[in-house]
PDB file of N, CA and C in Angstrom:
ATOM      1  N   UNK A   1      62.936  64.298 -29.641  1.00  0.00           N
ATOM      2  CA  UNK A   1      64.582  65.137 -30.197  1.00  0.00           C
ATOM      3  C   UNK A   1      64.579  66.413 -29.733  1.00  0.00           C
ATOM      4  N   UNK A   2      65.321  66.659 -28.780  1.00  0.00           N
ATOM      5  CA  UNK A   2      65.647  67.852 -28.556  1.00  0.00           C
ATOM      6  C   UNK A   2      66.582  68.785 -29.454  1.00  0.00           C
ATOM      7  N   UNK A   3      66.228  69.804 -29.347  1.00  0.00           N
ATOM      8  CA  UNK A   3      67.412  70.685 -30.189  1.00  0.00           C
ATOM      9  C   UNK A   3      66.920  72.354 -29.310  1.00  0.00           C
ATOM     10  N   UNK A   4      68.026  72.731 -29.107  1.00  0.00           N
ATOM     11  CA  UNK A   4      68.088  74.414 -28.106  1.00  0.00           C
ATOM     12  C   UNK A   4      67.740  75.253 -29.056  1.00  0.00           C
ATOM     13  N   UNK A   5      67.387  74.899 -30.518  1.00  0.00           N
ATOM     14  CA  UNK A   5      67.094  76.255 -30.975  1.00  0.00           C
ATOM     15  C   UNK A   5      65.602  76.869 -31.410  1.00  0.00           C
ATOM     16  N   UNK A   6      64.702  75.463 -30.721  1.00  0.00           N
ATOM     17  CA  UNK A   6      63.574  75.367 -30.989  1.00  0.00           C
ATOM     18  C   UNK A   6      62.567  75.742 -29.701  1.00  0.00           C
ATOM     19  N   UNK A   7      61.971  77.179 -29.772  1.00  0.00           N
ATOM     20  CA  UNK A   7      61.897  77.817 -28.925  1.00  0.00           C
ATOM     21  C   UNK A   7      60.958  76.518 -27.890  1.00  0.00           C
ATOM     22  N   UNK A   8      60.286  75.738 -28.614  1.00  0.00           N
ATOM     23  CA  UNK A   8      59.138  75.182 -27.600  1.00  0.00           C
ATOM     24  C   UNK A   8      59.971  73.833 -26.866  1.00  0.00           C
ATOM     25  N   UNK A   9      61.142  74.145 -26.868  1.00  0.00           N
ATOM     26  CA  UNK A   9      61.782  73.012 -25.878  1.00  0.00           C
ATOM     27  C   UNK A   9      63.032  74.126 -24.732  1.00  0.00           C
ATOM     28  N   UNK A  10      62.589  74.786 -24.381  1.00  0.00           N
ATOM     29  CA  UNK A  10      63.424  76.237 -24.233  1.00  0.00           C
ATOM     30  C   UNK A  10      63.077  75.421 -22.294  1.00  0.00           C
ATOM     31  N   UNK A  11      62.234  75.154 -22.623  1.00  0.00           N
ATOM     32  CA  UNK A  11      61.944  74.552 -20.944  1.00  0.00           C
ATOM     33  C   UNK A  11      61.949  72.976 -20.315  1.00  0.00           C
ATOM     34  N   UNK A  12      62.546  72.253 -21.446  1.00  0.00           N
ATOM     35  CA  UNK A  12      62.662  70.463 -21.618  1.00  0.00           C
ATOM     36  C   UNK A  12      63.725  70.562 -20.271  1.00  0.00           C
ATOM     37  N   UNK A  13      64.693  71.471 -20.609  1.00  0.00           N
ATOM     38  CA  UNK A  13      66.025  71.425 -19.579  1.00  0.00           C
ATOM     39  C   UNK A  13      65.406  71.404 -18.159  1.00  0.00           C
ATOM     40  N   UNK A  14      64.219  72.234 -17.736  1.00  0.00           N
ATOM     41  CA  UNK A  14      64.245  72.639 -16.318  1.00  0.00           C
ATOM     42  C   UNK A  14      62.950  71.375 -15.956  1.00  0.00           C
ATOM     43  N   UNK A  15      62.681  70.705 -16.719  1.00  0.00           N
ATOM     44  CA  UNK A  15      61.557  69.720 -16.222  1.00  0.00           C
ATOM     45  C   UNK A  15      62.061  68.741 -15.279  1.00  0.00           C
ATOM     46  N   UNK A  16      63.249  68.738 -15.350  1.00  0.00           N
ATOM     47  CA  UNK A  16      64.059  67.775 -14.387  1.00  0.00           C
ATOM     48  C   UNK A  16      63.740  67.685 -12.838  1.00  0.00           C
ATOM     49  N   UNK A  17      63.521  69.368 -12.923  1.00  0.00           N
ATOM     50  CA  UNK A  17      62.796  69.543 -11.325  1.00  0.00           C
ATOM     51  C   UNK A  17      61.907  69.000 -10.595  1.00  0.00           C
ATOM     52  N   UNK A  18      60.767  68.607 -11.728  1.00  0.00           N
ATOM     53  CA  UNK A  18      59.466  68.086 -11.407  1.00  0.00           C
ATOM     54  C   UNK A  18      59.733  66.410 -11.150  1.00  0.00           C
ATOM     55  N   UNK A  19      60.668  65.735 -11.694  1.00  0.00           N
ATOM     56  CA  UNK A  19      60.921  64.430 -10.977  1.00  0.00           C
ATOM     57  C   UNK A  19      62.538  64.454 -10.273  1.00  0.00           C
ATOM     58  N   UNK A  20      62.279  65.122  -9.282  1.00  0.00           N
ATOM     59  CA  UNK A  20      63.255  65.702  -8.074  1.00  0.00           C
ATOM     60  C   UNK A  20      64.613  65.422  -8.733  1.00  0.00           C
ATOM     61  N   UNK A  21      65.145  65.460  -9.839  1.00  0.00           N
ATOM     62  CA  UNK A  21      66.240  65.776 -10.096  1.00  0.00           C
ATOM     63  C   UNK A  21      67.074  66.683 -11.054  1.00  0.00           C
ATOM     64  N   UNK A  22      67.157  67.660  -9.991  1.00  0.00           N
ATOM     65  CA  UNK A  22      67.207  68.974  -9.776  1.00  0.00           C
ATOM     66  C   UNK A  22      69.255  68.950 -10.679  1.00  0.00           C
ATOM     67  N   UNK A  23      69.859  67.947 -10.213  1.00  0.00           N
ATOM     68  CA  UNK A  23      70.872  67.775 -10.656  1.00  0.00           C
ATOM     69  C   UNK A  23      71.180  67.160 -12.136  1.00  0.00           C
ATOM     70  N   UNK A  24      70.197  66.574 -13.097  1.00  0.00           N
ATOM     71  CA  UNK A  24      70.212  66.781 -14.525  1.00  0.00           C
ATOM     72  C   UNK A  24      69.548  67.928 -15.055  1.00  0.00           C
ATOM     73  N   UNK A  25      69.400  68.555 -14.528  1.00  0.00           N
ATOM     74  CA  UNK A  25      69.175  70.249 -15.463  1.00  0.00           C
ATOM     75  C   UNK A  25      69.802  70.664 -15.324  1.00  0.00           C
ATOM     76  N   UNK A  26      71.026  70.719 -14.137  1.00  0.00           N
ATOM     77  CA  UNK A  26      72.304  71.217 -13.984  1.00  0.00           C
ATOM     78  C   UNK A  26      73.254  70.756 -15.151  1.00  0.00           C
ATOM     79  N   UNK A  27      73.461  69.684 -14.765  1.00  0.00           N
ATOM     80  CA  UNK A  27      74.062  68.852 -16.144  1.00  0.00           C
ATOM     81  C   UNK A  27      73.778  69.487 -17.571  1.00  0.00           C
ATOM     82  N   UNK A  28      72.795  69.251 -17.995  1.00  0.00           N
ATOM     83  CA  UNK A  28      72.205  69.619 -19.728  1.00  0.00           C
ATOM     84  C   UNK A  28      72.241  70.956 -20.093  1.00  0.00           C
ATOM     85  N   UNK A  29      71.790  71.962 -18.462  1.00  0.00           N
ATOM     86  CA  UNK A  29      71.570  72.979 -18.790  1.00  0.00           C
ATOM     87  C   UNK A  29      73.103  73.808 -19.037  1.00  0.00           C
ATOM     88  N   UNK A  30      74.094  72.929 -18.078  1.00  0.00           N
ATOM     89  CA  UNK A  30      75.497  73.479 -17.975  1.00  0.00           C
ATOM     90  C   UNK A  30      76.257  73.495 -19.504  1.00  0.00           C
ATOM     91  N   UNK A  31      76.011  71.976 -20.014  1.00  0.00           N
ATOM     92  CA  UNK A  31      76.232  71.840 -21.068  1.00  0.00           C
ATOM     93  C   UNK A  31      75.836  72.479 -22.556  1.00  0.00           C
ATOM     94  N   UNK A  32      74.579  73.040 -22.414  1.00  0.00           N
ATOM     95  CA  UNK A  32      73.965  74.067 -23.785  1.00  0.00           C
ATOM     96  C   UNK A  32      74.719  75.201 -23.238  1.00  0.00           C
ATOM     97  N   UNK A  33      74.844  75.830 -22.387  1.00  0.00           N
ATOM     98  CA  UNK A  33      75.634  77.070 -21.940  1.00  0.00           C
ATOM     99  C   UNK A  33      77.066  76.784 -22.506  1.00  0.00           C
ATOM    100  N   UNK A  34      77.825  76.102 -22.712  1.00  0.00           N
ATOM    101  CA  UNK A  34      79.134  75.582 -22.583  1.00  0.00           C
ATOM    102  C   UNK A  34      79.484  74.947 -24.131  1.00  0.00           C
ATOM    103  N   UNK A  35      77.986  74.400 -24.563  1.00  0.00           N
ATOM    104  CA  UNK A  35      78.543  74.317 -26.063  1.00  0.00           C
ATOM    105  C   UNK A  35      78.019  74.541 -27.050  1.00  0.00           C
ATOM    106  N   UNK A  36      76.542  74.759 -26.636  1.00  0.00           N
ATOM    107  CA  UNK A  36      75.289  75.764 -27.660  1.00  0.00           C
ATOM    108  C   UNK A  36      75.758  77.382 -28.007  1.00  0.00           C
ATOM    109  N   UNK A  37      75.588  77.625 -26.810  1.00  0.00           N
ATOM    110  CA  UNK A  37      75.800  79.279 -27.085  1.00  0.00           C
ATOM    111  C   UNK A  37      77.383  79.557 -27.006  1.00  0.00           C
ATOM    112  N   UNK A  38      77.628  80.265 -28.283  1.00  0.00           N
ATOM    113  CA  UNK A  38      79.096  80.227 -28.073  1.00  0.00           C
ATOM    114  C   UNK A  38      79.197  82.305 -28.246  1.00  0.00           C
ATOM    115  N   UNK A  39      80.516  82.528 -28.901  1.00  0.00           N
ATOM    116  CA  UNK A  39      80.390  83.871 -28.975  1.00  0.00           C
ATOM    117  C   UNK A  39      80.493  83.926 -30.549  1.00  0.00           C
ATOM    118  N   UNK A  40      80.441  83.061 -31.701  1.00  0.00           N
ATOM    119  CA  UNK A  40      80.879  83.154 -32.998  1.00  0.00           C
ATOM    120  C   UNK A  40      79.285  83.821 -33.638  1.00  0.00           C
ATOM    121  N   UNK A  41      79.452  83.742 -34.650  1.00  0.00           N
ATOM    122  CA  UNK A  41      78.636  84.685 -35.555  1.00  0.00           C
ATOM    123  C   UNK A  41      76.871  83.746 -35.226  1.00  0.00           C
ATOM    124  N   UNK A  42      77.110  82.162 -35.316  1.00  0.00           N
ATOM    125  CA  UNK A  42      75.650  81.563 -35.180  1.00  0.00           C
ATOM    126  C   UNK A  42      75.680  81.269 -33.622  1.00  0.00           C
ATOM    127  N   UNK A  43      76.162  82.070 -32.581  1.00  0.00           N
ATOM    128  CA  UNK A  43      76.596  81.125 -31.948  1.00  0.00           C
ATOM    129  C   UNK A  43      74.853  81.316 -30.751  1.00  0.00           C
ATOM    130  N   UNK A  44      73.831  81.589 -31.004  1.00  0.00           N
ATOM    131  CA  UNK A  44      72.668  81.637 -30.893  1.00  0.00           C
ATOM    132  C   UNK A  44      71.770  80.441 -31.405  1.00  0.00           C
ATOM    133  N   UNK A  45      71.515  79.557 -31.158  1.00  0.00           N
ATOM    134  CA  UNK A  45      70.646  78.052 -31.834  1.00  0.00           C
ATOM    135  C   UNK A  45      69.444  78.967 -32.081  1.00  0.00           C
ATOM    136  N   UNK A  46      68.890  78.310 -33.478  1.00  0.00           N
ATOM    137  CA  UNK A  46      67.667  79.244 -33.472  1.00  0.00           C
ATOM    138  C   UNK A  46      67.642  80.763 -33.782  1.00  0.00           C
ATOM    139  N   UNK A  47      66.433  80.609 -34.418  1.00  0.00           N
ATOM    140  CA  UNK A  47      65.774  82.218 -34.287  1.00  0.00           C
ATOM    141  C   UNK A  47      65.843  83.488 -33.287  1.00  0.00           C
ATOM    142  N   UNK A  48      66.560  83.965 -32.771  1.00  0.00           N
ATOM    143  CA  UNK A  48      66.229  84.739 -31.579  1.00  0.00           C
ATOM    144  C   UNK A  48      65.645  86.049 -32.088  1.00  0.00           C
ATOM    145  N   UNK A  49      63.873  85.454 -32.480  1.00  0.00           N
ATOM    146  CA  UNK A  49      63.238  86.544 -32.472  1.00  0.00           C
ATOM    147  C   UNK A  49      62.831  87.205 -31.165  1.00  0.00           C
ATOM    148  N   UNK A  50      62.940  88.561 -31.182  1.00  0.00           N
ATOM    149  CA  UNK A  50      62.158  88.960 -29.337  1.00  0.00           C
ATOM    150  C   UNK A  50      63.005  88.470 -28.206  1.00  0.00           C
ATOM    151  N   UNK A  51      64.410  87.960 -28.926  1.00  0.00           N
ATOM    152  CA  UNK A  51      65.291  87.963 -27.610  1.00  0.00           C
ATOM    153  C   UNK A  51      65.040  86.651 -26.649  1.00  0.00           C
ATOM    154  N   UNK A  52      64.496  85.666 -27.510  1.00  0.00           N
ATOM    155  CA  UNK A  52      63.458  84.448 -26.940  1.00  0.00           C
ATOM    156  C   UNK A  52      64.639  83.430 -25.954  1.00  0.00           C
ATOM    157  N   UNK A  53      65.682  83.103 -27.151  1.00  0.00           N
ATOM    158  CA  UNK A  53      66.995  82.647 -26.828  1.00  0.00           C
ATOM    159  C   UNK A  53      67.968  82.607 -25.913  1.00  0.00           C
ATOM    160  N   UNK A  54      68.376  84.708 -26.566  1.00  0.00           N
ATOM    161  CA  UNK A  54      68.787  85.195 -25.326  1.00  0.00           C
ATOM    162  C   UNK A  54      68.623  85.184 -23.886  1.00  0.00           C
ATOM    163  N   UNK A  55      67.342  85.448 -23.595  1.00  0.00           N
ATOM    164  CA  UNK A  55      66.452  85.468 -22.614  1.00  0.00           C
ATOM    165  C   UNK A  55      67.038  83.769 -21.738  1.00  0.00           C
ATOM    166  N   UNK A  56      66.943  82.695 -22.493  1.00  0.00           N
ATOM    167  CA  UNK A  56      66.974  81.523 -21.866  1.00  0.00           C
ATOM    168  C   UNK A  56      68.247  81.833 -21.220  1.00  0.00           C
ATOM    169  N   UNK A  57      69.629  82.283 -21.948  1.00  0.00           N
ATOM    170  CA  UNK A  57      70.288  81.845 -21.804  1.00  0.00           C
ATOM    171  C   UNK A  57      71.310  82.649 -20.618  1.00  0.00           C
ATOM    172  N   UNK A  58      69.973  83.948 -20.683  1.00  0.00           N
ATOM    173  CA  UNK A  58      70.520  84.746 -19.334  1.00  0.00           C
ATOM    174  C   UNK A  58      70.029  84.477 -18.076  1.00  0.00           C
ATOM    175  N   UNK A  59      69.275  83.788 -17.997  1.00  0.00           N
ATOM    176  CA  UNK A  59      67.983  83.058 -17.122  1.00  0.00           C
ATOM    177  C   UNK A  59      69.225  82.121 -16.691  1.00  0.00           C
ATOM    178  N   UNK A  60      68.967  80.926 -17.426  1.00  0.00           N
ATOM    179  CA  UNK A  60      70.012  79.753 -17.174  1.00  0.00           C
ATOM    180  C   UNK A  60      71.113  80.066 -16.219  1.00  0.00           C
ATOM    181  N   UNK A  61      72.103  81.293 -16.916  1.00  0.00           N
ATOM    182  CA  UNK A  61      73.050  81.930 -16.502  1.00  0.00           C
ATOM    183  C   UNK A  61      73.192  81.934 -15.173  1.00  0.00           C
ATOM    184  N   UNK A  62      72.268  82.873 -14.768  1.00  0.00           N
ATOM    185  CA  UNK A  62      72.427  83.188 -13.747  1.00  0.00           C
ATOM    186  C   UNK A  62      71.612  82.533 -12.277  1.00  0.00           C
ATOM    187  N   UNK A  63      71.240  81.043 -12.842  1.00  0.00           N
ATOM    188  CA  UNK A  63      70.523  80.063 -12.157  1.00  0.00           C
ATOM    189  C   UNK A  63      69.030  79.947 -11.402  1.00  0.00           C
ATOM    190  N   UNK A  64      68.550  80.497 -11.887  1.00  0.00           N
ATOM    191  CA  UNK A  64      66.843  80.806 -12.201  1.00  0.00           C
ATOM    192  C   UNK A  64      66.236  80.678 -12.909  1.00  0.00           C
ATOM    193  N   UNK A  65      65.018  79.694 -13.361  1.00  0.00           N
ATOM    194  CA  UNK A  65      64.022  80.523 -14.370  1.00  0.00           C
ATOM    195  C   UNK A  65      62.442  80.447 -14.084  1.00  0.00           C
ATOM    196  N   UNK A  66      62.322  81.130 -14.931  1.00  0.00           N
ATOM    197  CA  UNK A  66      60.567  81.484 -14.676  1.00  0.00           C
ATOM    198  C   UNK A  66      59.741  80.432 -15.353  1.00  0.00           C
ATOM    199  N   UNK A  67      58.926  80.074 -14.559  1.00  0.00           N
ATOM    200  CA  UNK A  67      57.955  79.482 -15.065  1.00  0.00           C
ATOM    201  C   UNK A  67      57.041  80.335 -15.713  1.00  0.00           C
ATOM    202  N   UNK A  68      56.714  80.348 -16.885  1.00  0.00           N
ATOM    203  CA  UNK A  68      55.894  81.015 -18.309  1.00  0.00           C
ATOM    204  C   UNK A  68      54.421  81.110 -17.040  1.00  0.00           C
ATOM    205  N   UNK A  69      53.904  81.962 -16.843  1.00  0.00           N
ATOM    206  CA  UNK A  69      52.480  82.121 -16.767  1.00  0.00           C
ATOM    207  C   UNK A  69      52.234  81.925 -15.243  1.00  0.00           C
ATOM    208  N   UNK A  70      53.112  82.210 -14.609  1.00  0.00           N
ATOM    209  CA  UNK A  70      52.928  82.201 -12.920  1.00  0.00           C
ATOM    210  C   UNK A  70      53.534  82.700 -11.842  1.00  0.00           C
ATOM    211  N   UNK A  71      54.080  82.613 -10.739  1.00  0.00           N
ATOM    212  CA  UNK A  71      54.969  83.328 -10.053  1.00  0.00           C
ATOM    213  C   UNK A  71      56.078  82.523  -9.721  1.00  0.00           C
ATOM    214  N   UNK A  72      56.213  81.439 -10.599  1.00  0.00           N
ATOM    215  CA  UNK A  72      57.270  80.275  -9.923  1.00  0.00           C
ATOM    216  C   UNK A  72      58.574  80.640 -10.856  1.00  0.00           C
ATOM    217  N   UNK A  73      59.526  80.388  -9.772  1.00  0.00           N
ATOM    218  CA  UNK A  73      61.052  80.490 -10.574  1.00  0.00           C
ATOM    219  C   UNK A  73      61.557  79.328  -9.819  1.00  0.00           C
ATOM    220  N   UNK A  74      62.102  78.333 -11.369  1.00  0.00           N
ATOM    221  CA  UNK A  74      63.230  77.188 -10.673  1.00  0.00           C
ATOM    222  C   UNK A  74      64.367  77.601 -10.314  1.00  0.00           C
ATOM    223  N   UNK A  75      64.988  77.080  -9.173  1.00  0.00           N
ATOM    224  CA  UNK A  75      66.143  77.622  -9.148  1.00  0.00           C
ATOM    225  C   UNK A  75      67.259  76.872  -9.222  1.00  0.00           C
ATOM    226  N   UNK A  76      68.583  76.987  -9.921  1.00  0.00           N
ATOM    227  CA  UNK A  76      69.454  76.052 -10.529  1.00  0.00           C
ATOM    228  C   UNK A  76      70.676  76.272 -10.025  1.00  0.00           C
ATOM    229  N   UNK A  77      71.632  76.357 -10.620  1.00  0.00           N
ATOM    230  CA  UNK A  77      73.035  76.936 -10.338  1.00  0.00           C
ATOM    231  C   UNK A  77      73.629  77.420 -11.401  1.00  0.00           C
ATOM    232  N   UNK A  78      73.797  78.986 -11.045  1.00  0.00           N
ATOM    233  CA  UNK A  78      74.219  80.259 -11.493  1.00  0.00           C
ATOM    234  C   UNK A  78      76.204  79.894 -12.504  1.00  0.00           C
ATOM    235  N   UNK A  79      76.370  80.163 -13.365  1.00  0.00           N
ATOM    236  CA  UNK A  79      77.379  79.691 -14.514  1.00  0.00           C
ATOM    237  C   UNK A  79      78.674  80.574 -13.850  1.00  0.00           C
ATOM    238  N   UNK A  80      78.720  81.456 -12.604  1.00  0.00           N
ATOM    239  CA  UNK A  80      79.849  82.228 -12.566  1.00  0.00           C
ATOM    240  C   UNK A  80      79.402  82.513 -10.482  1.00  0.00           C
ATOM    241  N   UNK A  81      80.473  83.004 -10.042  1.00  0.00           N
ATOM    242  CA  UNK A  81      80.698  83.074  -8.707  1.00  0.00           C
ATOM    243  C   UNK A  81      79.724  84.581  -8.182  1.00  0.00           C
TER     244      UNK A  81
END
């Protein structure tokens, strides 16, 4: 079960890269950006302690994601031109 508000699940969407299916990363990441994160009062899922959920949104919107504890960045698709 995936819930976008669980900090332990933040990397789940990006794991498709390791199965050579970055297209699925982009499909699910864009869906989360468009449908789970909103401008409403409760627009950030879960507990945004220390900005973890906001940081996921920013990195995913920019089109890359840092692999924690390494110098690896997974490349995605930015949400804007």
